[in-house]
């Protein structure tokens, strides 16, 4: 059994995972406005509570940040201002006596869906999270590709139109329209024409994001997760329509697009670190 941790700017989740199954899970607010030590104390507290459930072999952690994967240092953690440079591996190994492995949270998502979810069986996959931002994990030839600074897959930061892909393909797009993703989805479900128009526009931007991924990685499958992906039925058609202008139609015909329904893929992926 391993302890898997998903450190987010809003919520901190930790679970005991064995053979791809979550046996016990805890969730608490992250205290993202707290000091470095206050956030760390909350993590240690949750680890201690989970260790009471049985013998633990190690700890895997997904963090929304640049990660020195070998030394286990996290930098500029998104949503936690006090975590600018945290030697997380050293701190937790000293505190717990257990081996600790750390990776970017999108990489953990990719590991989870490639081992247990919709990317299973594909040698090359791009696994995209759509939420407050846009991130992705890259699977190449069956293995996670991290890049030199564990920063591979930061497609949301690439310039697009007057801003970047993250602005047009995340919840920020809906905020820019004076609403939220959830409110727009609720309104679209009632047939609201303005909401449906917004989702069609969002789908067109998503089509351009898929084309970008195809140019850069040419994967066999692209798997989408995150809160915005729950509204898949509202943007999949305009997204697919946008792919008609891709210059290599044979590649599009061989591409698989999926939305994950795997519960807690990030936690499952962290257990594989």
C-alpha atoms as a PDB file:
ATOM      1  CA  UNK A   1       0.000   0.000   0.000  1.00  0.00           C
ATOM      2  CA  UNK A   2       1.093   3.547  -0.772  1.00  0.00           C
ATOM      3  CA  UNK A   3      -0.126   6.929   0.307  1.00  0.00           C
ATOM      4  CA  UNK A   4      -1.012   9.170  -2.635  1.00  0.00           C
ATOM      5  CA  UNK A   5      -1.396  12.911  -2.201  1.00  0.00           C
ATOM      6  CA  UNK A   6      -2.953  15.480  -4.531  1.00  0.00           C
ATOM      7  CA  UNK A   7      -1.888  18.941  -3.381  1.00  0.00           C
ATOM      8  CA  UNK A   8      -4.120  21.650  -4.823  1.00  0.00           C
ATOM      9  CA  UNK A   9      -4.459  25.334  -4.142  1.00  0.00           C
ATOM     10  CA  UNK A  10      -7.946  24.776  -2.692  1.00  0.00           C
ATOM     11  CA  UNK A  11      -8.090  21.191  -1.473  1.00  0.00           C
ATOM     12  CA  UNK A  12      -5.582  18.686  -0.178  1.00  0.00           C
ATOM     13  CA  UNK A  13      -6.514  15.059  -0.788  1.00  0.00           C
ATOM     14  CA  UNK A  14      -4.669  12.013   0.434  1.00  0.00           C
ATOM     15  CA  UNK A  15      -5.482   8.338  -0.028  1.00  0.00           C
ATOM     16  CA  UNK A  16      -4.250   4.831   0.565  1.00  0.00           C
ATOM     17  CA  UNK A  17      -3.899   3.107  -2.805  1.00  0.00           C
ATOM     18  CA  UNK A  18      -3.223  -0.549  -3.483  1.00  0.00           C
ATOM     19  CA  UNK A  19      -3.161  -2.181  -6.919  1.00  0.00           C
ATOM     20  CA  UNK A  20      -4.946   0.740  -8.524  1.00  0.00           C
ATOM     21  CA  UNK A  21      -7.736   0.891  -5.940  1.00  0.00           C
ATOM     22  CA  UNK A  22      -8.358   3.629  -3.387  1.00  0.00           C
ATOM     23  CA  UNK A  23      -8.945   1.995  -0.021  1.00  0.00           C
ATOM     24  CA  UNK A  24      -9.325   5.089   2.141  1.00  0.00           C
ATOM     25  CA  UNK A  25      -9.328   8.809   1.319  1.00  0.00           C
ATOM     26  CA  UNK A  26      -9.174  12.066   3.257  1.00  0.00           C
ATOM     27  CA  UNK A  27      -9.832  15.588   2.000  1.00  0.00           C
ATOM     28  CA  UNK A  28      -9.234  18.896   3.735  1.00  0.00           C
ATOM     29  CA  UNK A  29      -8.789  22.555   2.766  1.00  0.00           C
ATOM     30  CA  UNK A  30      -5.182  23.277   1.841  1.00  0.00           C
ATOM     31  CA  UNK A  31      -4.719  26.424   3.966  1.00  0.00           C
ATOM     32  CA  UNK A  32      -3.248  27.909   0.792  1.00  0.00           C
ATOM     33  CA  UNK A  33      -2.861  31.357   2.371  1.00  0.00           C
ATOM     34  CA  UNK A  34      -0.860  29.914   5.265  1.00  0.00           C
ATOM     35  CA  UNK A  35       2.869  29.781   5.755  1.00  0.00           C
ATOM     36  CA  UNK A  36       5.049  27.067   4.274  1.00  0.00           C
ATOM     37  CA  UNK A  37       5.131  25.223   7.604  1.00  0.00           C
ATOM     38  CA  UNK A  38       1.359  25.476   8.136  1.00  0.00           C
ATOM     39  CA  UNK A  39       0.660  23.797   4.791  1.00  0.00           C
ATOM     40  CA  UNK A  40       3.348  21.197   5.496  1.00  0.00           C
ATOM     41  CA  UNK A  41       1.884  20.429   8.920  1.00  0.00           C
ATOM     42  CA  UNK A  42      -1.483  19.684   7.316  1.00  0.00           C
ATOM     43  CA  UNK A  43       0.135  17.241   4.886  1.00  0.00           C
ATOM     44  CA  UNK A  44       2.017  15.498   7.701  1.00  0.00           C
ATOM     45  CA  UNK A  45      -1.162  15.281   9.768  1.00  0.00           C
ATOM     46  CA  UNK A  46      -3.025  13.559   6.930  1.00  0.00           C
ATOM     47  CA  UNK A  47      -0.154  11.146   6.350  1.00  0.00           C
ATOM     48  CA  UNK A  48      -0.127  10.237  10.031  1.00  0.00           C
ATOM     49  CA  UNK A  49      -3.883   9.601   9.991  1.00  0.00           C
ATOM     50  CA  UNK A  50      -3.619   7.309   6.972  1.00  0.00           C
ATOM     51  CA  UNK A  51      -0.699   5.344   8.409  1.00  0.00           C
ATOM     52  CA  UNK A  52      -3.031   4.120  11.120  1.00  0.00           C
ATOM     53  CA  UNK A  53      -4.876   2.098   8.442  1.00  0.00           C
ATOM     54  CA  UNK A  54      -2.014  -0.340   7.800  1.00  0.00           C
ATOM     55  CA  UNK A  55       1.575  -0.818   6.642  1.00  0.00           C
ATOM     56  CA  UNK A  56       2.596   1.849   4.114  1.00  0.00           C
ATOM     57  CA  UNK A  57       5.432   1.264   1.640  1.00  0.00           C
ATOM     58  CA  UNK A  58       5.906   4.800   0.361  1.00  0.00           C
ATOM     59  CA  UNK A  59       4.377   8.151  -0.558  1.00  0.00           C
ATOM     60  CA  UNK A  60       3.646   9.657  -3.991  1.00  0.00           C
ATOM     61  CA  UNK A  61       2.682  13.311  -4.370  1.00  0.00           C
ATOM     62  CA  UNK A  62       1.308  15.351  -7.266  1.00  0.00           C
ATOM     63  CA  UNK A  63       1.957  19.100  -7.022  1.00  0.00           C
ATOM     64  CA  UNK A  64       0.840  21.921  -9.380  1.00  0.00           C
ATOM     65  CA  UNK A  65       4.313  23.315  -9.900  1.00  0.00           C
ATOM     66  CA  UNK A  66       7.673  22.962 -11.539  1.00  0.00           C
ATOM     67  CA  UNK A  67       9.276  19.944  -9.885  1.00  0.00           C
ATOM     68  CA  UNK A  68      12.882  18.830  -9.568  1.00  0.00           C
ATOM     69  CA  UNK A  69      11.862  15.215  -9.938  1.00  0.00           C
ATOM     70  CA  UNK A  70      15.173  13.712  -8.824  1.00  0.00           C
ATOM     71  CA  UNK A  71      15.691  15.839  -5.708  1.00  0.00           C
ATOM     72  CA  UNK A  72      12.006  16.263  -4.876  1.00  0.00           C
ATOM     73  CA  UNK A  73      12.019  20.058  -4.776  1.00  0.00           C
ATOM     74  CA  UNK A  74       8.898  21.996  -5.797  1.00  0.00           C
ATOM     75  CA  UNK A  75       8.990  25.586  -7.042  1.00  0.00           C
ATOM     76  CA  UNK A  76       6.339  28.316  -7.294  1.00  0.00           C
ATOM     77  CA  UNK A  77       3.404  26.096  -6.399  1.00  0.00           C
ATOM     78  CA  UNK A  78       0.225  27.362  -8.075  1.00  0.00           C
ATOM     79  CA  UNK A  79      -2.302  28.618  -5.536  1.00  0.00           C
ATOM     80  CA  UNK A  80       0.052  28.414  -2.532  1.00  0.00           C
ATOM     81  CA  UNK A  81       2.072  31.661  -2.457  1.00  0.00           C
ATOM     82  CA  UNK A  82       4.312  30.640   0.465  1.00  0.00           C
ATOM     83  CA  UNK A  83       5.625  27.599  -1.422  1.00  0.00           C
ATOM     84  CA  UNK A  84       8.281  29.177  -3.620  1.00  0.00           C
ATOM     85  CA  UNK A  85      10.998  26.568  -3.089  1.00  0.00           C
ATOM     86  CA  UNK A  86      10.153  23.637  -0.862  1.00  0.00           C
ATOM     87  CA  UNK A  87      12.423  20.621  -0.400  1.00  0.00           C
ATOM     88  CA  UNK A  88       9.377  18.440  -0.029  1.00  0.00           C
ATOM     89  CA  UNK A  89      11.012  15.038  -0.456  1.00  0.00           C
ATOM     90  CA  UNK A  90      13.700  15.660   2.170  1.00  0.00           C
ATOM     91  CA  UNK A  91      11.223  17.102   4.665  1.00  0.00           C
ATOM     92  CA  UNK A  92       8.694  14.288   4.387  1.00  0.00           C
ATOM     93  CA  UNK A  93      11.253  11.483   4.283  1.00  0.00           C
ATOM     94  CA  UNK A  94      12.833  12.847   7.452  1.00  0.00           C
ATOM     95  CA  UNK A  95       9.429  13.217   9.110  1.00  0.00           C
ATOM     96  CA  UNK A  96       7.949   9.852   8.084  1.00  0.00           C
ATOM     97  CA  UNK A  97      10.879   7.546   7.418  1.00  0.00           C
ATOM     98  CA  UNK A  98       9.188   6.502   4.161  1.00  0.00           C
ATOM     99  CA  UNK A  99      10.429   6.888   0.580  1.00  0.00           C
ATOM    100  CA  UNK A 100       8.769   9.873  -1.101  1.00  0.00           C
ATOM    101  CA  UNK A 101       8.400  10.573  -4.837  1.00  0.00           C
ATOM    102  CA  UNK A 102       7.044  13.825  -6.258  1.00  0.00           C
ATOM    103  CA  UNK A 103       5.846  14.909  -9.680  1.00  0.00           C
ATOM    104  CA  UNK A 104       3.764  17.539 -11.395  1.00  0.00           C
ATOM    105  CA  UNK A 105       0.034  16.991 -10.863  1.00  0.00           C
ATOM    106  CA  UNK A 106      -0.712  16.762 -14.608  1.00  0.00           C
ATOM    107  CA  UNK A 107       1.957  14.080 -14.939  1.00  0.00           C
ATOM    108  CA  UNK A 108       0.193  12.143 -12.185  1.00  0.00           C
ATOM    109  CA  UNK A 109      -3.078  12.552 -14.077  1.00  0.00           C
ATOM    110  CA  UNK A 110      -1.422  11.133 -17.197  1.00  0.00           C
ATOM    111  CA  UNK A 111      -0.001   8.188 -15.282  1.00  0.00           C
ATOM    112  CA  UNK A 112      -3.421   7.452 -13.802  1.00  0.00           C
ATOM    113  CA  UNK A 113      -5.399   7.464 -17.045  1.00  0.00           C
ATOM    114  CA  UNK A 114      -2.681   5.595 -18.960  1.00  0.00           C
ATOM    115  CA  UNK A 115      -2.481   2.807 -16.383  1.00  0.00           C
ATOM    116  CA  UNK A 116      -6.116   2.567 -15.273  1.00  0.00           C
ATOM    117  CA  UNK A 117      -8.250   4.712 -17.565  1.00  0.00           C
ATOM    118  CA  UNK A 118      -9.003   5.845 -21.084  1.00  0.00           C
ATOM    119  CA  UNK A 119      -5.385   6.000 -22.302  1.00  0.00           C
ATOM    120  CA  UNK A 120      -4.661   2.404 -21.304  1.00  0.00           C
ATOM    121  CA  UNK A 121      -3.364   0.428 -24.275  1.00  0.00           C
ATOM    122  CA  UNK A 122      -2.063   3.474 -26.157  1.00  0.00           C
ATOM    123  CA  UNK A 123       1.701   3.860 -26.526  1.00  0.00           C
ATOM    124  CA  UNK A 124       1.471   7.617 -27.151  1.00  0.00           C
ATOM    125  CA  UNK A 125      -1.008   9.816 -25.314  1.00  0.00           C
ATOM    126  CA  UNK A 126      -1.570  13.414 -24.297  1.00  0.00           C
ATOM    127  CA  UNK A 127      -3.689  13.764 -21.159  1.00  0.00           C
ATOM    128  CA  UNK A 128      -5.136  17.256 -20.717  1.00  0.00           C
ATOM    129  CA  UNK A 129      -6.681  18.821 -17.621  1.00  0.00           C
ATOM    130  CA  UNK A 130      -9.241  21.576 -18.188  1.00  0.00           C
ATOM    131  CA  UNK A 131     -10.097  23.568 -15.086  1.00  0.00           C
ATOM    132  CA  UNK A 132      -8.855  26.857 -13.690  1.00  0.00           C
ATOM    133  CA  UNK A 133      -5.977  26.356 -16.117  1.00  0.00           C
ATOM    134  CA  UNK A 134      -4.860  24.032 -18.893  1.00  0.00           C
ATOM    135  CA  UNK A 135      -2.155  21.461 -18.254  1.00  0.00           C
ATOM    136  CA  UNK A 136      -1.139  18.143 -19.719  1.00  0.00           C
ATOM    137  CA  UNK A 137       0.944  15.065 -19.156  1.00  0.00           C
ATOM    138  CA  UNK A 138       2.710  13.372 -22.062  1.00  0.00           C
ATOM    139  CA  UNK A 139       3.110   9.636 -22.566  1.00  0.00           C
ATOM    140  CA  UNK A 140       5.673   8.736 -25.259  1.00  0.00           C
ATOM    141  CA  UNK A 141       6.305   5.116 -26.229  1.00  0.00           C
ATOM    142  CA  UNK A 142       4.521   3.951 -23.098  1.00  0.00           C
ATOM    143  CA  UNK A 143       6.519   6.115 -20.693  1.00  0.00           C
ATOM    144  CA  UNK A 144       5.907   9.463 -19.045  1.00  0.00           C
ATOM    145  CA  UNK A 145       7.884  12.242 -20.703  1.00  0.00           C
ATOM    146  CA  UNK A 146       8.758  14.954 -18.187  1.00  0.00           C
ATOM    147  CA  UNK A 147      11.272  17.130 -19.983  1.00  0.00           C
ATOM    148  CA  UNK A 148      14.429  18.565 -18.427  1.00  0.00           C
ATOM    149  CA  UNK A 149      12.569  20.588 -15.760  1.00  0.00           C
ATOM    150  CA  UNK A 150       9.444  18.407 -15.433  1.00  0.00           C
ATOM    151  CA  UNK A 151       7.772  21.082 -17.531  1.00  0.00           C
ATOM    152  CA  UNK A 152       6.858  19.176 -20.684  1.00  0.00           C
ATOM    153  CA  UNK A 153       3.223  19.574 -21.684  1.00  0.00           C
ATOM    154  CA  UNK A 154       2.643  23.162 -20.563  1.00  0.00           C
ATOM    155  CA  UNK A 155       0.538  23.746 -23.650  1.00  0.00           C
ATOM    156  CA  UNK A 156      -1.727  26.231 -21.911  1.00  0.00           C
ATOM    157  CA  UNK A 157       1.084  28.775 -21.796  1.00  0.00           C
ATOM    158  CA  UNK A 158       1.631  28.806 -25.560  1.00  0.00           C
ATOM    159  CA  UNK A 159       0.570  32.074 -27.225  1.00  0.00           C
ATOM    160  CA  UNK A 160      -2.838  31.988 -28.889  1.00  0.00           C
ATOM    161  CA  UNK A 161      -4.756  34.911 -30.409  1.00  0.00           C
ATOM    162  CA  UNK A 162      -4.235  37.886 -28.078  1.00  0.00           C
ATOM    163  CA  UNK A 163      -3.442  35.812 -24.978  1.00  0.00           C
ATOM    164  CA  UNK A 164      -2.678  32.097 -24.610  1.00  0.00           C
ATOM    165  CA  UNK A 165      -4.444  28.730 -24.840  1.00  0.00           C
ATOM    166  CA  UNK A 166      -5.050  28.671 -21.099  1.00  0.00           C
ATOM    167  CA  UNK A 167      -7.177  31.788 -21.334  1.00  0.00           C
ATOM    168  CA  UNK A 168      -9.383  30.408 -24.109  1.00  0.00           C
ATOM    169  CA  UNK A 169      -9.562  26.745 -23.027  1.00  0.00           C
ATOM    170  CA  UNK A 170     -10.112  26.932 -19.267  1.00  0.00           C
ATOM    171  CA  UNK A 171     -12.534  28.465 -16.788  1.00  0.00           C
ATOM    172  CA  UNK A 172     -10.852  31.802 -17.496  1.00  0.00           C
ATOM    173  CA  UNK A 173     -12.650  31.873 -20.848  1.00  0.00           C
ATOM    174  CA  UNK A 174     -16.044  31.838 -19.126  1.00  0.00           C
ATOM    175  CA  UNK A 175     -14.995  34.436 -16.564  1.00  0.00           C
ATOM    176  CA  UNK A 176     -14.021  36.646 -19.504  1.00  0.00           C
ATOM    177  CA  UNK A 177     -17.593  36.252 -20.742  1.00  0.00           C
ATOM    178  CA  UNK A 178     -18.981  37.380 -17.380  1.00  0.00           C
ATOM    179  CA  UNK A 179     -19.984  33.930 -16.159  1.00  0.00           C
ATOM    180  CA  UNK A 180     -18.510  30.648 -14.940  1.00  0.00           C
ATOM    181  CA  UNK A 181     -18.218  27.249 -16.555  1.00  0.00           C
ATOM    182  CA  UNK A 182     -20.860  25.786 -14.246  1.00  0.00           C
ATOM    183  CA  UNK A 183     -23.292  28.667 -14.731  1.00  0.00           C
ATOM    184  CA  UNK A 184     -22.838  28.498 -18.495  1.00  0.00           C
ATOM    185  CA  UNK A 185     -23.418  24.734 -18.458  1.00  0.00           C
ATOM    186  CA  UNK A 186     -26.556  25.091 -16.324  1.00  0.00           C
ATOM    187  CA  UNK A 187     -27.912  27.774 -18.635  1.00  0.00           C
ATOM    188  CA  UNK A 188     -27.082  25.771 -21.757  1.00  0.00           C
ATOM    189  CA  UNK A 189     -28.983  22.803 -20.311  1.00  0.00           C
ATOM    190  CA  UNK A 190     -32.132  24.949 -20.371  1.00  0.00           C
ATOM    191  CA  UNK A 191     -31.549  25.871 -24.019  1.00  0.00           C
ATOM    192  CA  UNK A 192     -30.286  29.396 -23.314  1.00  0.00           C
ATOM    193  CA  UNK A 193     -29.020  30.688 -26.666  1.00  0.00           C
ATOM    194  CA  UNK A 194     -26.288  32.922 -25.228  1.00  0.00           C
ATOM    195  CA  UNK A 195     -24.878  30.052 -23.157  1.00  0.00           C
ATOM    196  CA  UNK A 196     -24.977  27.692 -26.134  1.00  0.00           C
ATOM    197  CA  UNK A 197     -23.145  30.271 -28.221  1.00  0.00           C
ATOM    198  CA  UNK A 198     -20.443  30.563 -25.562  1.00  0.00           C
ATOM    199  CA  UNK A 199     -19.959  26.794 -25.492  1.00  0.00           C
ATOM    200  CA  UNK A 200     -19.773  26.669 -29.293  1.00  0.00           C
ATOM    201  CA  UNK A 201     -17.069  29.313 -29.213  1.00  0.00           C
ATOM    202  CA  UNK A 202     -15.241  27.424 -26.492  1.00  0.00           C
ATOM    203  CA  UNK A 203     -15.419  24.260 -28.616  1.00  0.00           C
ATOM    204  CA  UNK A 204     -13.856  26.078 -31.553  1.00  0.00           C
ATOM    205  CA  UNK A 205     -10.920  27.089 -29.374  1.00  0.00           C
ATOM    206  CA  UNK A 206     -10.652  23.504 -28.136  1.00  0.00           C
ATOM    207  CA  UNK A 207     -10.455  22.336 -31.740  1.00  0.00           C
ATOM    208  CA  UNK A 208      -7.441  24.589 -32.229  1.00  0.00           C
ATOM    209  CA  UNK A 209      -5.908  23.179 -29.042  1.00  0.00           C
ATOM    210  CA  UNK A 210      -6.308  19.638 -30.385  1.00  0.00           C
ATOM    211  CA  UNK A 211      -4.650  20.675 -33.658  1.00  0.00           C
ATOM    212  CA  UNK A 212      -1.762  22.143 -31.682  1.00  0.00           C
ATOM    213  CA  UNK A 213      -1.359  18.849 -29.800  1.00  0.00           C
ATOM    214  CA  UNK A 214      -1.395  16.920 -33.065  1.00  0.00           C
ATOM    215  CA  UNK A 215       1.302  19.120 -34.589  1.00  0.00           C
ATOM    216  CA  UNK A 216       3.479  18.852 -31.491  1.00  0.00           C
ATOM    217  CA  UNK A 217       3.004  15.228 -30.378  1.00  0.00           C
ATOM    218  CA  UNK A 218       0.812  13.281 -32.858  1.00  0.00           C
ATOM    219  CA  UNK A 219      -0.577  10.971 -30.132  1.00  0.00           C
ATOM    220  CA  UNK A 220      -2.885   8.024 -30.602  1.00  0.00           C
ATOM    221  CA  UNK A 221      -5.251   9.349 -27.952  1.00  0.00           C
ATOM    222  CA  UNK A 222      -5.993  12.641 -26.222  1.00  0.00           C
ATOM    223  CA  UNK A 223      -7.768  12.253 -22.895  1.00  0.00           C
ATOM    224  CA  UNK A 224      -9.445  15.223 -21.225  1.00  0.00           C
ATOM    225  CA  UNK A 225     -10.121  15.593 -17.523  1.00  0.00           C
ATOM    226  CA  UNK A 226     -10.795  18.370 -15.049  1.00  0.00           C
ATOM    227  CA  UNK A 227     -13.963  20.225 -14.127  1.00  0.00           C
ATOM    228  CA  UNK A 228     -14.611  21.773 -17.555  1.00  0.00           C
ATOM    229  CA  UNK A 229     -14.447  18.379 -19.258  1.00  0.00           C
ATOM    230  CA  UNK A 230     -17.676  17.423 -17.449  1.00  0.00           C
ATOM    231  CA  UNK A 231     -19.472  19.613 -20.003  1.00  0.00           C
ATOM    232  CA  UNK A 232     -18.048  17.536 -22.872  1.00  0.00           C
ATOM    233  CA  UNK A 233     -21.421  17.223 -24.637  1.00  0.00           C
ATOM    234  CA  UNK A 234     -21.651  21.017 -24.878  1.00  0.00           C
ATOM    235  CA  UNK A 235     -18.397  21.545 -26.783  1.00  0.00           C
ATOM    236  CA  UNK A 236     -17.396  18.266 -28.446  1.00  0.00           C
ATOM    237  CA  UNK A 237     -19.225  18.894 -31.739  1.00  0.00           C
ATOM    238  CA  UNK A 238     -17.689  22.326 -32.491  1.00  0.00           C
ATOM    239  CA  UNK A 239     -14.324  20.965 -31.351  1.00  0.00           C
ATOM    240  CA  UNK A 240     -14.561  18.068 -33.799  1.00  0.00           C
ATOM    241  CA  UNK A 241     -15.796  20.376 -36.554  1.00  0.00           C
ATOM    242  CA  UNK A 242     -12.678  22.475 -36.151  1.00  0.00           C
ATOM    243  CA  UNK A 243     -10.478  19.487 -36.884  1.00  0.00           C
ATOM    244  CA  UNK A 244     -11.722  19.453 -40.489  1.00  0.00           C
ATOM    245  CA  UNK A 245      -9.109  22.091 -41.340  1.00  0.00           C
ATOM    246  CA  UNK A 246      -6.185  20.003 -40.067  1.00  0.00           C
ATOM    247  CA  UNK A 247      -3.884  19.513 -43.080  1.00  0.00           C
ATOM    248  CA  UNK A 248      -3.412  15.778 -42.477  1.00  0.00           C
ATOM    249  CA  UNK A 249      -6.922  14.274 -42.358  1.00  0.00           C
ATOM    250  CA  UNK A 250      -5.606  10.696 -42.200  1.00  0.00           C
ATOM    251  CA  UNK A 251      -3.980  11.530 -38.862  1.00  0.00           C
ATOM    252  CA  UNK A 252      -7.254  12.909 -37.504  1.00  0.00           C
ATOM    253  CA  UNK A 253      -9.107   9.790 -38.629  1.00  0.00           C
ATOM    254  CA  UNK A 254      -6.731   7.685 -36.517  1.00  0.00           C
ATOM    255  CA  UNK A 255      -6.929   9.953 -33.471  1.00  0.00           C
ATOM    256  CA  UNK A 256      -9.016   8.948 -30.461  1.00  0.00           C
ATOM    257  CA  UNK A 257     -10.528  11.691 -28.288  1.00  0.00           C
ATOM    258  CA  UNK A 258     -11.900  10.743 -24.893  1.00  0.00           C
ATOM    259  CA  UNK A 259     -13.132  12.314 -21.679  1.00  0.00           C
ATOM    260  CA  UNK A 260     -12.022  10.434 -18.603  1.00  0.00           C
ATOM    261  CA  UNK A 261     -14.593   9.022 -16.220  1.00  0.00           C
ATOM    262  CA  UNK A 262     -11.904   7.493 -14.010  1.00  0.00           C
ATOM    263  CA  UNK A 263     -12.400   8.610 -10.390  1.00  0.00           C
ATOM    264  CA  UNK A 264      -9.384  10.343  -8.848  1.00  0.00           C
ATOM    265  CA  UNK A 265      -6.877   9.714 -11.678  1.00  0.00           C
ATOM    266  CA  UNK A 266      -4.293  12.032 -10.113  1.00  0.00           C
ATOM    267  CA  UNK A 267      -4.247  10.074  -6.867  1.00  0.00           C
ATOM    268  CA  UNK A 268      -4.003   6.786  -8.753  1.00  0.00           C
ATOM    269  CA  UNK A 269      -1.153   8.150 -10.844  1.00  0.00           C
ATOM    270  CA  UNK A 270       0.735   9.403  -7.776  1.00  0.00           C
ATOM    271  CA  UNK A 271       0.691   5.858  -6.416  1.00  0.00           C
ATOM    272  CA  UNK A 272       2.807   4.800  -9.402  1.00  0.00           C
ATOM    273  CA  UNK A 273       5.624   7.286  -8.786  1.00  0.00           C
END
